[in-house]
Protein backbone atom coordinates (compact mmCIF):
# COMPACT_ATOMS: atom_id res chain seq x y z
CA MET A 1 17.11 -0.08 -47.43
CA PRO A 2 16.87 -3.78 -48.37
CA ARG A 3 13.37 -5.22 -48.48
CA LYS A 4 14.27 -8.03 -46.06
CA LEU A 5 15.49 -5.52 -43.50
CA ILE A 6 12.33 -3.45 -43.87
CA THR A 7 10.23 -6.59 -43.40
CA PHE A 8 12.24 -7.55 -40.34
CA LEU A 9 11.80 -4.10 -38.80
CA ILE A 10 8.06 -4.16 -39.44
CA ILE A 11 7.78 -7.58 -37.78
CA LEU A 12 9.88 -6.31 -34.87
CA VAL A 13 7.60 -3.30 -34.40
CA ILE A 14 4.49 -5.49 -34.54
CA VAL A 15 5.92 -7.92 -31.97
CA TYR A 16 6.96 -5.06 -29.68
CA ALA A 17 3.55 -3.42 -29.98
CA GLY A 18 1.94 -6.77 -29.21
CA LEU A 19 4.07 -7.20 -26.10
CA CYS A 20 3.12 -3.70 -24.97
CA ALA A 21 -0.55 -4.54 -25.47
CA VAL A 22 -0.20 -7.73 -23.42
CA LEU A 23 1.64 -5.91 -20.66
CA TYR A 24 -1.06 -3.23 -20.58
CA ALA A 25 -3.80 -5.85 -20.38
CA VAL A 26 -2.29 -7.94 -17.58
CA GLN A 27 -0.46 -5.24 -15.61
CA ARG A 28 -2.68 -5.45 -12.52
CA SER A 29 -1.83 -9.13 -12.13
CA PHE A 30 1.73 -7.95 -11.38
CA ILE A 31 0.51 -5.58 -8.65
CA TYR A 32 -2.34 -7.36 -6.87
CA PHE A 33 -2.27 -10.91 -5.54
CA PRO A 34 -5.64 -11.52 -3.82
CA GLN A 35 -5.86 -14.37 -1.34
CA PRO A 36 -8.41 -16.94 -2.54
CA GLY A 37 -11.79 -17.20 -0.84
CA ASN A 38 -13.08 -15.60 2.34
CA THR A 39 -10.45 -16.12 5.02
CA THR A 40 -11.70 -13.51 7.49
CA THR A 41 -12.34 -14.55 11.06
CA GLY A 42 -13.81 -12.63 13.97
CA PRO A 43 -15.87 -9.44 13.82
CA THR A 44 -16.14 -7.67 10.48
CA ARG A 45 -17.91 -4.69 9.02
CA LYS A 46 -18.96 -4.21 5.41
CA LEU A 47 -18.80 -0.98 3.47
CA THR A 48 -20.74 -0.46 0.27
CA ALA A 49 -18.52 1.42 -2.13
CA ASP A 50 -19.46 2.03 -5.75
CA GLY A 51 -21.36 -1.25 -5.99
CA ALA A 52 -18.70 -3.30 -4.20
CA GLN A 53 -18.87 -4.83 -0.73
CA VAL A 54 -15.63 -4.11 1.11
CA VAL A 55 -14.94 -6.25 4.18
CA VAL A 56 -13.18 -4.70 7.17
CA THR A 57 -11.86 -6.77 10.07
CA VAL A 58 -12.54 -4.83 13.27
CA ARG A 59 -11.75 -4.78 16.94
CA GLU A 60 -14.04 -2.27 18.54
CA GLN A 61 -13.09 -0.24 21.63
CA ASP A 62 -15.11 2.19 23.70
CA GLY A 63 -13.48 5.58 23.67
CA GLY A 64 -9.79 6.01 23.00
CA ASP A 65 -8.26 6.23 19.56
CA ALA A 66 -8.34 4.12 16.40
CA VAL A 67 -5.93 2.53 13.94
CA ILE A 68 -6.65 1.84 10.27
CA TYR A 69 -4.39 -0.68 8.53
CA PHE A 70 -3.75 -1.27 4.82
CA GLY A 71 -1.74 -4.39 3.99
CA GLY A 72 0.59 -5.64 1.30
CA ASN A 73 -0.29 -6.85 -2.19
CA ALA A 74 -0.55 -10.53 -1.18
CA GLU A 75 -1.48 -10.06 2.46
CA ASP A 76 -4.46 -11.45 4.31
CA VAL A 77 -4.74 -8.63 6.84
CA THR A 78 -6.51 -10.94 9.30
CA PHE A 79 -3.11 -12.35 10.18
CA SER A 80 -1.83 -8.88 11.11
CA LEU A 81 -4.49 -8.48 13.77
CA PRO A 82 -2.56 -10.15 16.65
CA GLY A 83 0.48 -7.93 16.14
CA LEU A 84 -1.66 -4.81 15.98
CA ASN A 85 -3.51 -5.95 19.08
CA GLU A 86 -0.20 -6.06 20.90
CA ALA A 87 0.99 -2.70 19.58
CA PHE A 88 -2.29 -0.87 20.15
CA PRO A 89 -4.09 -2.64 23.05
CA HIS A 90 -6.34 0.32 23.83
CA ASP A 91 -7.22 1.44 20.29
CA ALA A 92 -10.00 0.33 17.98
CA LEU A 93 -8.60 -1.51 14.96
CA TYR A 94 -9.83 -1.51 11.38
CA LEU A 95 -8.09 -3.67 8.77
CA MET A 96 -9.39 -3.28 5.22
CA HIS A 97 -9.59 -6.24 2.86
CA TYR A 98 -9.05 -4.79 -0.60
CA ARG A 99 -11.54 -5.42 -3.37
CA GLY A 100 -11.14 -9.03 -4.48
CA TYR A 101 -9.41 -9.92 -1.17
CA GLY A 102 -10.78 -11.75 1.87
CA GLY A 103 -14.42 -11.82 0.86
CA SER A 104 -14.57 -8.28 -0.56
CA SER A 105 -16.20 -8.07 -3.97
CA GLY A 106 -15.00 -6.15 -6.99
CA SER A 107 -11.55 -5.82 -8.52
CA PRO A 108 -8.63 -3.81 -7.10
CA SER A 109 -7.33 -0.66 -8.72
CA GLU A 110 -5.55 2.38 -7.32
CA SER A 111 -8.51 4.72 -7.69
CA ALA A 112 -10.94 2.21 -6.15
CA LEU A 113 -8.74 1.32 -3.19
CA VAL A 114 -7.94 4.93 -2.36
CA ALA A 115 -11.65 5.79 -2.55
CA ASP A 116 -12.48 2.81 -0.30
CA ALA A 117 -9.81 3.96 2.17
CA ALA A 118 -11.31 7.45 2.32
CA LEU A 119 -14.77 6.00 2.88
CA LEU A 120 -13.49 3.82 5.71
CA PHE A 121 -11.67 6.75 7.31
CA ASP A 122 -14.79 8.91 7.18
CA GLU A 123 -16.84 6.18 8.86
CA VAL A 124 -14.27 5.60 11.60
CA HIS A 125 -13.78 9.34 12.12
CA LYS A 126 -17.42 9.70 13.14
CA THR A 127 -16.53 7.87 16.35
CA TYR A 128 -12.77 8.34 16.78
CA LYS A 129 -11.10 11.70 16.28
CA ASN A 130 -7.49 10.54 16.62
CA ILE A 131 -6.72 7.96 13.94
CA THR A 132 -3.36 6.40 13.21
CA VAL A 133 -3.07 5.12 9.65
CA ILE A 134 -0.65 2.30 8.82
CA GLY A 135 0.21 1.17 5.31
CA ARG A 136 2.50 -1.74 4.53
CA SER A 137 4.20 -2.24 1.17
CA LEU A 138 1.41 -1.76 -1.42
CA GLY A 139 -0.73 -0.29 1.35
CA SER A 140 1.84 2.42 2.02
CA GLY A 141 0.78 4.10 -1.23
CA ILE A 142 -2.86 4.00 -0.17
CA ALA A 143 -2.07 5.26 3.33
CA ALA A 144 0.05 8.12 2.00
CA GLN A 145 -2.70 9.31 -0.32
CA LEU A 146 -5.25 9.06 2.50
CA ALA A 147 -3.04 11.10 4.84
CA SER A 148 -2.75 13.81 2.20
CA GLN A 149 -6.56 14.02 1.95
CA ARG A 150 -7.89 13.41 5.48
CA PRO A 151 -7.09 14.64 9.04
CA VAL A 152 -4.95 11.67 10.04
CA ALA A 153 -3.33 11.99 13.49
CA ARG A 154 -0.27 9.84 12.75
CA LEU A 155 1.04 8.00 9.70
CA ILE A 156 3.19 4.86 9.65
CA LEU A 157 4.55 3.52 6.35
CA VAL A 158 6.08 0.05 6.48
CA THR A 159 8.49 -0.93 3.67
CA PRO A 160 7.24 1.99 1.54
CA TYR A 161 8.22 2.97 -2.00
CA ASN A 162 8.61 6.28 -3.76
CA SER A 163 6.29 5.14 -6.56
CA ILE A 164 5.24 1.88 -8.16
CA GLN A 165 5.88 3.49 -11.53
CA GLU A 166 9.58 3.78 -10.71
CA LEU A 167 9.71 0.15 -9.55
CA ALA A 168 7.95 -1.00 -12.72
CA GLU A 169 10.34 0.99 -14.89
CA GLN A 170 13.22 -0.87 -13.25
CA GLN A 171 11.54 -4.23 -13.84
CA PHE A 172 10.58 -3.49 -17.45
CA PRO A 173 13.28 -1.09 -18.72
CA TYR A 174 12.57 -1.72 -22.41
CA PHE A 175 8.89 -0.78 -22.29
CA PRO A 176 7.22 2.65 -22.06
CA VAL A 177 5.94 1.97 -18.53
CA ARG A 178 5.10 5.63 -17.93
CA TRP A 179 2.47 5.44 -20.69
CA LEU A 180 1.27 1.89 -20.06
CA LEU A 181 0.86 1.87 -16.29
CA ARG A 182 -2.58 2.67 -14.90
CA ASP A 183 -1.90 2.31 -11.16
CA LYS A 184 1.22 4.39 -10.50
CA TYR A 185 0.96 4.92 -6.71
CA GLU A 186 3.17 8.00 -6.75
CA SER A 187 3.59 8.29 -2.98
CA TRP A 188 6.11 11.09 -3.34
CA LYS A 189 3.37 13.41 -4.57
CA SER A 190 1.33 12.70 -1.44
CA ALA A 191 4.36 13.06 0.84
CA GLU A 192 4.75 16.69 -0.17
CA LYS A 193 1.23 17.41 1.15
CA ILE A 194 1.50 15.54 4.47
CA SER A 195 2.12 17.51 7.67
CA VAL A 196 1.30 14.97 10.41
CA PRO A 197 4.00 12.99 12.27
CA THR A 198 5.11 10.19 9.96
CA LEU A 199 7.28 7.14 10.53
CA LEU A 200 8.88 5.22 7.67
CA LEU A 201 10.01 1.71 8.58
CA MET A 202 12.57 0.24 6.17
CA ALA A 203 13.70 -3.39 6.30
CA GLU A 204 17.49 -3.59 6.33
CA HIS A 205 17.53 -6.48 3.84
CA ASP A 206 14.43 -5.62 1.82
CA GLU A 207 14.59 -7.69 -1.36
CA VAL A 208 11.42 -6.20 -2.88
CA ILE A 209 11.58 -2.43 -2.31
CA PRO A 210 15.04 -0.95 -2.97
CA ALA A 211 16.43 1.14 -0.14
CA ALA A 212 16.93 3.99 -2.61
CA SER A 213 13.17 4.08 -3.28
CA THR A 214 12.29 4.39 0.41
CA ARG A 215 14.98 7.00 1.00
CA ALA A 216 13.77 8.99 -2.01
CA LEU A 217 10.25 9.02 -0.55
CA HIS A 218 11.60 10.25 2.77
CA GLN A 219 13.20 13.21 1.03
CA HIS A 220 9.85 14.40 -0.29
CA PHE A 221 8.41 15.06 3.17
CA ALA A 222 8.80 18.54 4.59
CA LYS A 223 11.64 18.90 7.06
CA GLY A 224 10.74 17.53 10.49
CA VAL A 225 7.60 15.71 9.37
CA ALA A 226 8.92 12.20 8.72
CA THR A 227 11.39 9.93 10.49
CA LEU A 228 13.08 7.06 8.65
CA THR A 229 14.01 4.05 10.78
CA VAL A 230 15.83 0.96 9.52
CA VAL A 231 14.71 -2.30 11.14
CA ARG A 232 17.95 -4.23 11.46
CA GLY A 233 18.06 -7.81 10.21
CA ALA A 234 14.57 -7.59 8.69
CA ARG A 235 13.50 -8.50 5.18
CA HIS A 236 10.47 -7.31 3.26
CA ASN A 237 8.09 -10.07 4.34
CA ASP A 238 9.30 -10.68 7.88
CA ILE A 239 9.70 -7.13 9.19
CA SER A 240 6.65 -7.56 11.44
CA GLU A 241 8.42 -10.47 13.17
CA SER A 242 11.24 -8.24 14.36
CA PRO A 243 11.25 -7.62 18.15
CA ALA A 244 11.54 -3.90 17.40
CA TYR A 245 8.48 -3.76 15.13
CA THR A 246 5.76 -3.60 17.79
CA ARG A 247 7.73 -1.06 19.80
CA LEU A 248 8.19 1.14 16.75
CA LEU A 249 4.50 0.99 15.86
CA ARG A 250 3.64 1.95 19.39
CA GLY A 251 6.04 4.86 19.23
CA THR A 252 7.96 3.95 22.36
CA PRO A 253 11.76 4.21 22.59
C-alpha cells in the first residue's frame, strides 16, 4: 500500500476518533436544554437528592388523587400548570424541574432524573395512594421507567419515543452511538414491565419524534395495557394546545 495512502488513512482514523471523543463529551447538550435562571412561580417544594436541590412546582389538594408531571427537554414545567389545572381540577399536582432547570441545582442525566422521579413519587405516595404519572417527550422516558418501578395508578406518555438511542442513531448514522451514548432512555424495556392503564398520545404532525418510534414503543406493552391515540393536527410542541388534549388527559370520551 502506498505510503501516502497509509498516511491519509491514519489521519482519517485520528480525525474520526477525535470526532467521536467530541461527540461523547458534549452529548448531553444535545439531550437537555435547561431554561436559564429560576423561572418558577407559585408554591414549590424542594427535594434533597444526592446533594442536589430539586424544585417541584406544587398545587396541594386535601384528599383525592395526585398527578406527577415530567416535561420535555426544553420545557419550563411551570407553564404546563394551567393546562393540568384544567385537566385535573380535583387532584394535587407535582411538576418536577429537572436538575439544572428552573432553580434546581445539579446537572441532568438519565440516572439522576430517574432517581429524582422515584424520590418524588415516594414522597407524594405517603399522602396520595392513586397517582397518575405524565411524561412528555423527554419526560416520557422518565415516566415509563418510574411506572415500571413504582405502583403508579395510571400512566400517560405524550409524544413518546421507543428509545433516545434509536433517535440518536438516526441523527448520527456514521458514529457508534450505541457505544458512545450514556443516556439511552430505552422506554421499550420499561414498557414490557408496565401493567397499569397507559395512554400514548402521538402528535399527527410530530416533526421531532417519528411516528414509527412511538408505534414501536406501543408494541412493547402487553396486550390491553396501552392505548395509542393520535392527536389530529398537532405537532410536537403544540400538542397541549389541541382542544382534545385536556379531554384525553382527563380520560373522558
